[in-house]
Structures are given as structure tokens and as C-alpha cells.
Amino acid sequence: MAELTISRKAHQGVKRVRRARIASAEGVNVMDKRDIRHIQEELGFNNTKPISLSPSDQKDVDDKGDCFRDWYEEELRELYER
């Protein structure tokens, strides 16, 4: 079974994972991951506008971070790879 190691700084300016290091019995492979903006453009989602947040919801996102961003990006990548 392969081990996936992804380096990422959450909510500190690094929003996208560009490379994944996969260690397996065959050695270490480094692969590029598609940029989310590129995937959105290819799927036609680049013109979709985000929902408007209330001031209290926006403060929550600013304080705690966007808890749905990683989930959205993961689902978008899975849809793109099909």
C-alpha cells in the first residue's frame, strides 16, 4: 500500500497542494496536482459565484477558516478525474 505525504500550511497563504510525494515499494514518485482554478475552468465552474455570507458568518470564516474548502477541492478533483 502506498503512503501519501502532502505538505500544506493551512490558512497561511498556501491554499493549493501542487505536488504529492508517494512512497511505495517501487520507490518515491512525485506528481503534479492540477490547480483548482484550472479544474474549475475545464469543468465550466469558473463563472459560479460564491454565496453571500452574513457579517457574523464571515467573521466565523475569518476566525476559524473555511472548513468546507478542502472538502470542495477534494470533490472537484474526484469529479475532474472521472
PDB file of N, CA and C in Angstrom:
ATOM      1  N   MET A   1       0.838  -1.171   0.000  1.00  0.00           N
ATOM      2  CA  MET A   1       0.000   0.000   0.000  1.00  0.00           C
ATOM      3  C   MET A   1       0.888   1.241   0.000  1.00  0.00           C
ATOM      4  N   ALA A   2       0.530   2.239  -0.781  1.00  0.00           N
ATOM      5  CA  ALA A   2       1.321   3.459  -0.905  1.00  0.00           C
ATOM      6  C   ALA A   2       1.000   4.429   0.219  1.00  0.00           C
ATOM      7  N   GLU A   3       1.993   5.171   0.620  1.00  0.00           N
ATOM      8  CA  GLU A   3       1.832   6.199   1.646  1.00  0.00           C
ATOM      9  C   GLU A   3       1.830   7.542   0.944  1.00  0.00           C
ATOM     10  N   LEU A   4       0.855   8.372   1.236  1.00  0.00           N
ATOM     11  CA  LEU A   4       0.746   9.679   0.605  1.00  0.00           C
ATOM     12  C   LEU A   4       1.140  10.744   1.614  1.00  0.00           C
ATOM     13  N   THR A   5       2.124  11.555   1.268  1.00  0.00           N
ATOM     14  CA  THR A   5       2.571  12.628   2.140  1.00  0.00           C
ATOM     15  C   THR A   5       2.358  13.942   1.418  1.00  0.00           C
ATOM     16  N   ILE A   6       1.573  14.815   2.011  1.00  0.00           N
ATOM     17  CA  ILE A   6       1.301  16.109   1.393  1.00  0.00           C
ATOM     18  C   ILE A   6       1.681  17.201   2.383  1.00  0.00           C
ATOM     19  N   SER A   7       2.545  18.105   1.947  1.00  0.00           N
ATOM     20  CA  SER A   7       2.921  19.234   2.792  1.00  0.00           C
ATOM     21  C   SER A   7       1.952  20.378   2.530  1.00  0.00           C
ATOM     22  N   ARG A   8       1.436  20.990   3.603  1.00  0.00           N
ATOM     23  CA  ARG A   8       0.485  22.076   3.428  1.00  0.00           C
ATOM     24  C   ARG A   8       0.419  22.924   4.689  1.00  0.00           C
ATOM     25  N   LYS A   9       0.404  24.236   4.515  1.00  0.00           N
ATOM     26  CA  LYS A   9       0.197  25.157   5.629  1.00  0.00           C
ATOM     27  C   LYS A   9      -1.235  25.656   5.518  1.00  0.00           C
ATOM     28  N   ALA A  10      -2.057  25.297   6.472  1.00  0.00           N
ATOM     29  CA  ALA A  10      -3.471  25.667   6.425  1.00  0.00           C
ATOM     30  C   ALA A  10      -3.654  27.128   6.820  1.00  0.00           C
ATOM     31  N   HIS A  11      -4.407  27.831   6.021  1.00  0.00           N
ATOM     32  CA  HIS A  11      -4.825  29.204   6.300  1.00  0.00           C
ATOM     33  C   HIS A  11      -3.658  30.171   6.498  1.00  0.00           C
ATOM     34  N   GLN A  12      -2.528  29.918   5.886  1.00  0.00           N
ATOM     35  CA  GLN A  12      -1.399  30.840   5.995  1.00  0.00           C
ATOM     36  C   GLN A  12      -0.865  31.176   4.615  1.00  0.00           C
ATOM     37  N   GLY A  13      -1.756  31.336   3.661  1.00  0.00           N
ATOM     38  CA  GLY A  13      -1.341  31.752   2.336  1.00  0.00           C
ATOM     39  C   GLY A  13      -1.171  30.615   1.353  1.00  0.00           C
ATOM     40  N   VAL A  14      -0.884  29.419   1.810  1.00  0.00           N
ATOM     41  CA  VAL A  14      -0.732  28.289   0.900  1.00  0.00           C
ATOM     42  C   VAL A  14      -2.083  27.603   0.816  1.00  0.00           C
ATOM     43  N   LYS A  15      -2.773  27.761  -0.299  1.00  0.00           N
ATOM     44  CA  LYS A  15      -4.129  27.239  -0.424  1.00  0.00           C
ATOM     45  C   LYS A  15      -4.195  25.973  -1.266  1.00  0.00           C
ATOM     46  N   ARG A  16      -3.220  25.732  -2.101  1.00  0.00           N
ATOM     47  CA  ARG A  16      -3.296  24.588  -3.002  1.00  0.00           C
ATOM     48  C   ARG A  16      -2.086  23.690  -2.814  1.00  0.00           C
ATOM     49  N   VAL A  17      -2.308  22.424  -2.904  1.00  0.00           N
ATOM     50  CA  VAL A  17      -1.219  21.455  -2.875  1.00  0.00           C
ATOM     51  C   VAL A  17      -0.795  21.248  -4.319  1.00  0.00           C
ATOM     52  N   ARG A  18       0.445  21.497  -4.628  1.00  0.00           N
ATOM     53  CA  ARG A  18       0.906  21.388  -6.011  1.00  0.00           C
ATOM     54  C   ARG A  18       1.593  20.057  -6.300  1.00  0.00           C
ATOM     55  N   ARG A  19       2.183  19.464  -5.296  1.00  0.00           N
ATOM     56  CA  ARG A  19       2.883  18.202  -5.514  1.00  0.00           C
ATOM     57  C   ARG A  19       2.530  17.232  -4.400  1.00  0.00           C
ATOM     58  N   ALA A  20       2.471  15.987  -4.759  1.00  0.00           N
ATOM     59  CA  ALA A  20       2.250  14.931  -3.772  1.00  0.00           C
ATOM     60  C   ALA A  20       3.420  13.964  -3.869  1.00  0.00           C
ATOM     61  N   ARG A  21       3.937  13.553  -2.738  1.00  0.00           N
ATOM     62  CA  ARG A  21       5.046  12.597  -2.704  1.00  0.00           C
ATOM     63  C   ARG A  21       4.464  11.258  -2.302  1.00  0.00           C
ATOM     64  N   ILE A  22       4.574  10.284  -3.159  1.00  0.00           N
ATOM     65  CA  ILE A  22       4.014   8.967  -2.898  1.00  0.00           C
ATOM     66  C   ILE A  22       5.158   7.980  -2.732  1.00  0.00           C
ATOM     67  N   ALA A  23       5.254   7.409  -1.529  1.00  0.00           N
ATOM     68  CA  ALA A  23       6.289   6.421  -1.241  1.00  0.00           C
ATOM     69  C   ALA A  23       5.653   5.041  -1.300  1.00  0.00           C
ATOM     70  N   SER A  24       6.248   4.155  -2.069  1.00  0.00           N
ATOM     71  CA  SER A  24       5.738   2.789  -2.170  1.00  0.00           C
ATOM     72  C   SER A  24       6.923   1.844  -2.300  1.00  0.00           C
ATOM     73  N   ALA A  25       6.645   0.582  -2.489  1.00  0.00           N
ATOM     74  CA  ALA A  25       7.708  -0.415  -2.625  1.00  0.00           C
ATOM     75  C   ALA A  25       8.567  -0.145  -3.856  1.00  0.00           C
ATOM     76  N   GLU A  26       8.000   0.507  -4.852  1.00  0.00           N
ATOM     77  CA  GLU A  26       8.731   0.780  -6.094  1.00  0.00           C
ATOM     78  C   GLU A  26       9.634   2.000  -5.987  1.00  0.00           C
ATOM     79  N   GLY A  27       9.537   2.770  -4.914  1.00  0.00           N
ATOM     80  CA  GLY A  27      10.340   3.976  -4.766  1.00  0.00           C
ATOM     81  C   GLY A  27       9.450   5.160  -4.448  1.00  0.00           C
ATOM     82  N   VAL A  28       9.954   6.347  -4.713  1.00  0.00           N
ATOM     83  CA  VAL A  28       9.210   7.572  -4.425  1.00  0.00           C
ATOM     84  C   VAL A  28       8.864   8.244  -5.736  1.00  0.00           C
ATOM     85  N   ASN A  29       7.601   8.557  -5.899  1.00  0.00           N
ATOM     86  CA  ASN A  29       7.133   9.263  -7.086  1.00  0.00           C
ATOM     87  C   ASN A  29       6.653  10.645  -6.678  1.00  0.00           C
ATOM     88  N   VAL A  30       6.938  11.636  -7.496  1.00  0.00           N
ATOM     89  CA  VAL A  30       6.426  12.980  -7.273  1.00  0.00           C
ATOM     90  C   VAL A  30       5.547  13.304  -8.461  1.00  0.00           C
ATOM     91  N   MET A  31       4.291  13.706  -8.157  1.00  0.00           N
ATOM     92  CA  MET A  31       3.386  14.020  -9.252  1.00  0.00           C
ATOM     93  C   MET A  31       2.783  15.392  -9.025  1.00  0.00           C
ATOM     94  N   ASP A  32       2.552  16.104 -10.106  1.00  0.00           N
ATOM     95  CA  ASP A  32       1.907  17.405 -10.024  1.00  0.00           C
ATOM     96  C   ASP A  32       0.410  17.214  -9.903  1.00  0.00           C
ATOM     97  N   LYS A  33      -0.211  18.049  -9.095  1.00  0.00           N
ATOM     98  CA  LYS A  33      -1.658  18.044  -8.983  1.00  0.00           C
ATOM     99  C   LYS A  33      -2.174  19.262  -9.738  1.00  0.00           C
ATOM    100  N   ARG A  34      -3.285  19.098 -10.398  1.00  0.00           N
ATOM    101  CA  ARG A  34      -3.892  20.206 -11.127  1.00  0.00           C
ATOM    102  C   ARG A  34      -4.311  21.308 -10.167  1.00  0.00           C
ATOM    103  N   ASP A  35      -4.121  22.530 -10.596  1.00  0.00           N
ATOM    104  CA  ASP A  35      -4.555  23.685  -9.842  1.00  0.00           C
ATOM    105  C   ASP A  35      -6.084  23.725  -9.839  1.00  0.00           C
ATOM    106  N   ILE A  36      -6.693  24.061  -8.715  1.00  0.00           N
ATOM    107  CA  ILE A  36      -8.148  24.089  -8.595  1.00  0.00           C
ATOM    108  C   ILE A  36      -8.758  25.050  -9.609  1.00  0.00           C
ATOM    109  N   ARG A  37      -8.139  26.192  -9.816  1.00  0.00           N
ATOM    110  CA  ARG A  37      -8.684  27.155 -10.799  1.00  0.00           C
ATOM    111  C   ARG A  37      -8.710  26.554 -12.193  1.00  0.00           C
ATOM    112  N   HIS A  38      -7.680  25.803 -12.543  1.00  0.00           N
ATOM    113  CA  HIS A  38      -7.627  25.142 -13.850  1.00  0.00           C
ATOM    114  C   HIS A  38      -8.756  24.118 -13.971  1.00  0.00           C
ATOM    115  N   ILE A  39      -8.974  23.337 -12.920  1.00  0.00           N
ATOM    116  CA  ILE A  39     -10.040  22.334 -12.923  1.00  0.00           C
ATOM    117  C   ILE A  39     -11.397  23.018 -13.048  1.00  0.00           C
ATOM    118  N   GLN A  40     -11.604  24.103 -12.305  1.00  0.00           N
ATOM    119  CA  GLN A  40     -12.872  24.830 -12.384  1.00  0.00           C
ATOM    120  C   GLN A  40     -13.124  25.337 -13.799  1.00  0.00           C
ATOM    121  N   GLU A  41     -12.095  25.861 -14.454  1.00  0.00           N
ATOM    122  CA  GLU A  41     -12.243  26.352 -15.824  1.00  0.00           C
ATOM    123  C   GLU A  41     -12.611  25.222 -16.779  1.00  0.00           C
ATOM    124  N   GLU A  42     -11.917  24.086 -16.671  1.00  0.00           N
ATOM    125  CA  GLU A  42     -12.185  22.971 -17.578  1.00  0.00           C
ATOM    126  C   GLU A  42     -13.576  22.380 -17.381  1.00  0.00           C
ATOM    127  N   LEU A  43     -14.079  22.407 -16.142  1.00  0.00           N
ATOM    128  CA  LEU A  43     -15.415  21.877 -15.870  1.00  0.00           C
ATOM    129  C   LEU A  43     -16.505  22.931 -16.065  1.00  0.00           C
ATOM    130  N   GLY A  44     -16.119  24.171 -16.327  1.00  0.00           N
ATOM    131  CA  GLY A  44     -17.090  25.238 -16.538  1.00  0.00           C
ATOM    132  C   GLY A  44     -17.634  25.833 -15.256  1.00  0.00           C
ATOM    133  N   PHE A  45     -16.938  25.632 -14.146  1.00  0.00           N
ATOM    134  CA  PHE A  45     -17.390  26.165 -12.860  1.00  0.00           C
ATOM    135  C   PHE A  45     -16.744  27.507 -12.529  1.00  0.00           C
ATOM    136  N   ASN A  46     -15.927  28.039 -13.415  1.00  0.00           N
ATOM    137  CA  ASN A  46     -15.182  29.256 -13.100  1.00  0.00           C
ATOM    138  C   ASN A  46     -16.064  30.505 -13.051  1.00  0.00           C
ATOM    139  N   ASN A  47     -17.273  30.454 -13.591  1.00  0.00           N
ATOM    140  CA  ASN A  47     -18.173  31.607 -13.542  1.00  0.00           C
ATOM    141  C   ASN A  47     -19.198  31.500 -12.422  1.00  0.00           C
ATOM    142  N   THR A  48     -19.099  30.463 -11.605  1.00  0.00           N
ATOM    143  CA  THR A  48     -20.017  30.281 -10.489  1.00  0.00           C
ATOM    144  C   THR A  48     -19.646  31.249  -9.375  1.00  0.00           C
ATOM    145  N   LYS A  49     -20.633  32.003  -8.919  1.00  0.00           N
ATOM    146  CA  LYS A  49     -20.371  32.978  -7.858  1.00  0.00           C
ATOM    147  C   LYS A  49     -20.593  32.332  -6.495  1.00  0.00           C
ATOM    148  N   PRO A  50     -19.726  32.617  -5.540  1.00  0.00           N
ATOM    149  CA  PRO A  50     -19.910  32.061  -4.191  1.00  0.00           C
ATOM    150  C   PRO A  50     -21.131  32.681  -3.512  1.00  0.00           C
ATOM    151  N   ILE A  51     -21.687  31.972  -2.545  1.00  0.00           N
ATOM    152  CA  ILE A  51     -22.836  32.500  -1.819  1.00  0.00           C
ATOM    153  C   ILE A  51     -22.397  33.684  -0.967  1.00  0.00           C
ATOM    154  N   SER A  52     -23.332  34.563  -0.700  1.00  0.00           N
ATOM    155  CA  SER A  52     -23.050  35.709   0.166  1.00  0.00           C
ATOM    156  C   SER A  52     -23.163  35.271   1.616  1.00  0.00           C
ATOM    157  N   LEU A  53     -22.229  35.717   2.413  1.00  0.00           N
ATOM    158  CA  LEU A  53     -22.239  35.385   3.837  1.00  0.00           C
ATOM    159  C   LEU A  53     -22.724  36.578   4.647  1.00  0.00           C
ATOM    160  N   SER A  54     -23.429  36.280   5.712  1.00  0.00           N
ATOM    161  CA  SER A  54     -23.823  37.339   6.639  1.00  0.00           C
ATOM    162  C   SER A  54     -22.558  37.822   7.352  1.00  0.00           C
ATOM    163  N   PRO A  55     -22.592  39.019   7.921  1.00  0.00           N
ATOM    164  CA  PRO A  55     -21.400  39.506   8.637  1.00  0.00           C
ATOM    165  C   PRO A  55     -20.929  38.552   9.740  1.00  0.00           C
ATOM    166  N   SER A  56     -21.866  37.924  10.460  1.00  0.00           N
ATOM    167  CA  SER A  56     -21.448  37.005  11.530  1.00  0.00           C
ATOM    168  C   SER A  56     -20.827  35.730  10.954  1.00  0.00           C
ATOM    169  N   ASP A  57     -21.376  35.233   9.817  1.00  0.00           N
ATOM    170  CA  ASP A  57     -20.782  34.065   9.170  1.00  0.00           C
ATOM    171  C   ASP A  57     -19.400  34.394   8.618  1.00  0.00           C
ATOM    172  N   GLN A  58     -19.234  35.587   8.044  1.00  0.00           N
ATOM    173  CA  GLN A  58     -17.937  35.996   7.513  1.00  0.00           C
ATOM    174  C   GLN A  58     -16.909  36.083   8.633  1.00  0.00           C
ATOM    175  N   LYS A  59     -17.318  36.606   9.785  1.00  0.00           N
ATOM    176  CA  LYS A  59     -16.409  36.680  10.937  1.00  0.00           C
ATOM    177  C   LYS A  59     -16.006  35.278  11.382  1.00  0.00           C
ATOM    178  N   ASP A  60     -16.961  34.356  11.362  1.00  0.00           N
ATOM    179  CA  ASP A  60     -16.683  32.961  11.717  1.00  0.00           C
ATOM    180  C   ASP A  60     -15.643  32.355  10.776  1.00  0.00           C
ATOM    181  N   VAL A  61     -15.810  32.593   9.470  1.00  0.00           N
ATOM    182  CA  VAL A  61     -14.863  32.076   8.475  1.00  0.00           C
ATOM    183  C   VAL A  61     -13.491  32.706   8.683  1.00  0.00           C
ATOM    184  N   ASP A  62     -13.466  34.008   8.946  1.00  0.00           N
ATOM    185  CA  ASP A  62     -12.187  34.693   9.166  1.00  0.00           C
ATOM    186  C   ASP A  62     -11.475  34.165  10.409  1.00  0.00           C
ATOM    187  N   ASP A  63     -12.242  33.886  11.459  1.00  0.00           N
ATOM    188  CA  ASP A  63     -11.649  33.407  12.711  1.00  0.00           C
ATOM    189  C   ASP A  63     -11.233  31.941  12.651  1.00  0.00           C
ATOM    190  N   LYS A  64     -12.095  31.095  12.092  1.00  0.00           N
ATOM    191  CA  LYS A  64     -11.883  29.645  12.129  1.00  0.00           C
ATOM    192  C   LYS A  64     -11.351  29.066  10.826  1.00  0.00           C
ATOM    193  N   GLY A  65     -11.437  29.820   9.761  1.00  0.00           N
ATOM    194  CA  GLY A  65     -11.037  29.304   8.462  1.00  0.00           C
ATOM    195  C   GLY A  65     -12.231  28.696   7.745  1.00  0.00           C
ATOM    196  N   ASP A  66     -12.050  28.422   6.476  1.00  0.00           N
ATOM    197  CA  ASP A  66     -13.122  27.864   5.651  1.00  0.00           C
ATOM    198  C   ASP A  66     -13.091  26.345   5.777  1.00  0.00           C
ATOM    199  N   CYS A  67     -13.980  25.805   6.583  1.00  0.00           N
ATOM    200  CA  CYS A  67     -13.960  24.365   6.857  1.00  0.00           C
ATOM    201  C   CYS A  67     -14.416  23.534   5.660  1.00  0.00           C
ATOM    202  N   PHE A  68     -15.051  24.140   4.673  1.00  0.00           N
ATOM    203  CA  PHE A  68     -15.548  23.386   3.529  1.00  0.00           C
ATOM    204  C   PHE A  68     -14.612  23.426   2.321  1.00  0.00           C
ATOM    205  N   ARG A  69     -13.585  24.277   2.341  1.00  0.00           N
ATOM    206  CA  ARG A  69     -12.704  24.433   1.177  1.00  0.00           C
ATOM    207  C   ARG A  69     -12.020  23.122   0.789  1.00  0.00           C
ATOM    208  N   ASP A  70     -11.431  22.426   1.754  1.00  0.00           N
ATOM    209  CA  ASP A  70     -10.739  21.170   1.450  1.00  0.00           C
ATOM    210  C   ASP A  70     -11.703  20.126   0.899  1.00  0.00           C
ATOM    211  N   TRP A  71     -12.882  20.055   1.480  1.00  0.00           N
ATOM    212  CA  TRP A  71     -13.898  19.100   1.027  1.00  0.00           C
ATOM    213  C   TRP A  71     -14.316  19.417  -0.409  1.00  0.00           C
ATOM    214  N   TYR A  72     -14.565  20.695  -0.696  1.00  0.00           N
ATOM    215  CA  TYR A  72     -14.939  21.124  -2.042  1.00  0.00           C
ATOM    216  C   TYR A  72     -13.844  20.768  -3.047  1.00  0.00           C
ATOM    217  N   GLU A  73     -12.599  21.074  -2.716  1.00  0.00           N
ATOM    218  CA  GLU A  73     -11.492  20.800  -3.628  1.00  0.00           C
ATOM    219  C   GLU A  73     -11.326  19.303  -3.862  1.00  0.00           C
ATOM    220  N   GLU A  74     -11.492  18.498  -2.821  1.00  0.00           N
ATOM    221  CA  GLU A  74     -11.392  17.043  -2.961  1.00  0.00           C
ATOM    222  C   GLU A  74     -12.489  16.504  -3.888  1.00  0.00           C
ATOM    223  N   GLU A  75     -13.714  16.959  -3.691  1.00  0.00           N
ATOM    224  CA  GLU A  75     -14.826  16.514  -4.536  1.00  0.00           C
ATOM    225  C   GLU A  75     -14.636  16.977  -5.975  1.00  0.00           C
ATOM    226  N   LEU A  76     -14.138  18.191  -6.164  1.00  0.00           N
ATOM    227  CA  LEU A  76     -13.905  18.721  -7.504  1.00  0.00           C
ATOM    228  C   LEU A  76     -12.833  17.911  -8.230  1.00  0.00           C
ATOM    229  N   ARG A  77     -11.761  17.549  -7.528  1.00  0.00           N
ATOM    230  CA  ARG A  77     -10.707  16.725  -8.138  1.00  0.00           C
ATOM    231  C   ARG A  77     -11.245  15.352  -8.536  1.00  0.00           C
ATOM    232  N   GLU A  78     -12.069  14.747  -7.669  1.00  0.00           N
ATOM    233  CA  GLU A  78     -12.647  13.440  -7.994  1.00  0.00           C
ATOM    234  C   GLU A  78     -13.542  13.527  -9.225  1.00  0.00           C
ATOM    235  N   LEU A  79     -14.349  14.575  -9.313  1.00  0.00           N
ATOM    236  CA  LEU A  79     -15.213  14.773 -10.477  1.00  0.00           C
ATOM    237  C   LEU A  79     -14.374  14.964 -11.735  1.00  0.00           C
ATOM    238  N   TYR A  80     -13.291  15.723 -11.628  1.00  0.00           N
ATOM    239  CA  TYR A  80     -12.420  16.003 -12.768  1.00  0.00           C
ATOM    240  C   TYR A  80     -11.721  14.741 -13.277  1.00  0.00           C
ATOM    241  N   GLU A  81     -11.354  13.856 -12.358  1.00  0.00           N
ATOM    242  CA  GLU A  81     -10.606  12.653 -12.738  1.00  0.00           C
ATOM    243  C   GLU A  81     -11.475  11.573 -13.364  1.00  0.00           C
ATOM    244  N   ARG A  82     -12.785  11.688 -13.266  1.00  0.00           N
ATOM    245  CA  ARG A  82     -13.683  10.676 -13.859  1.00  0.00           C
ATOM    246  C   ARG A  82     -13.712  10.723 -15.335  1.00  0.00           C
TER     247      ARG A  82
END
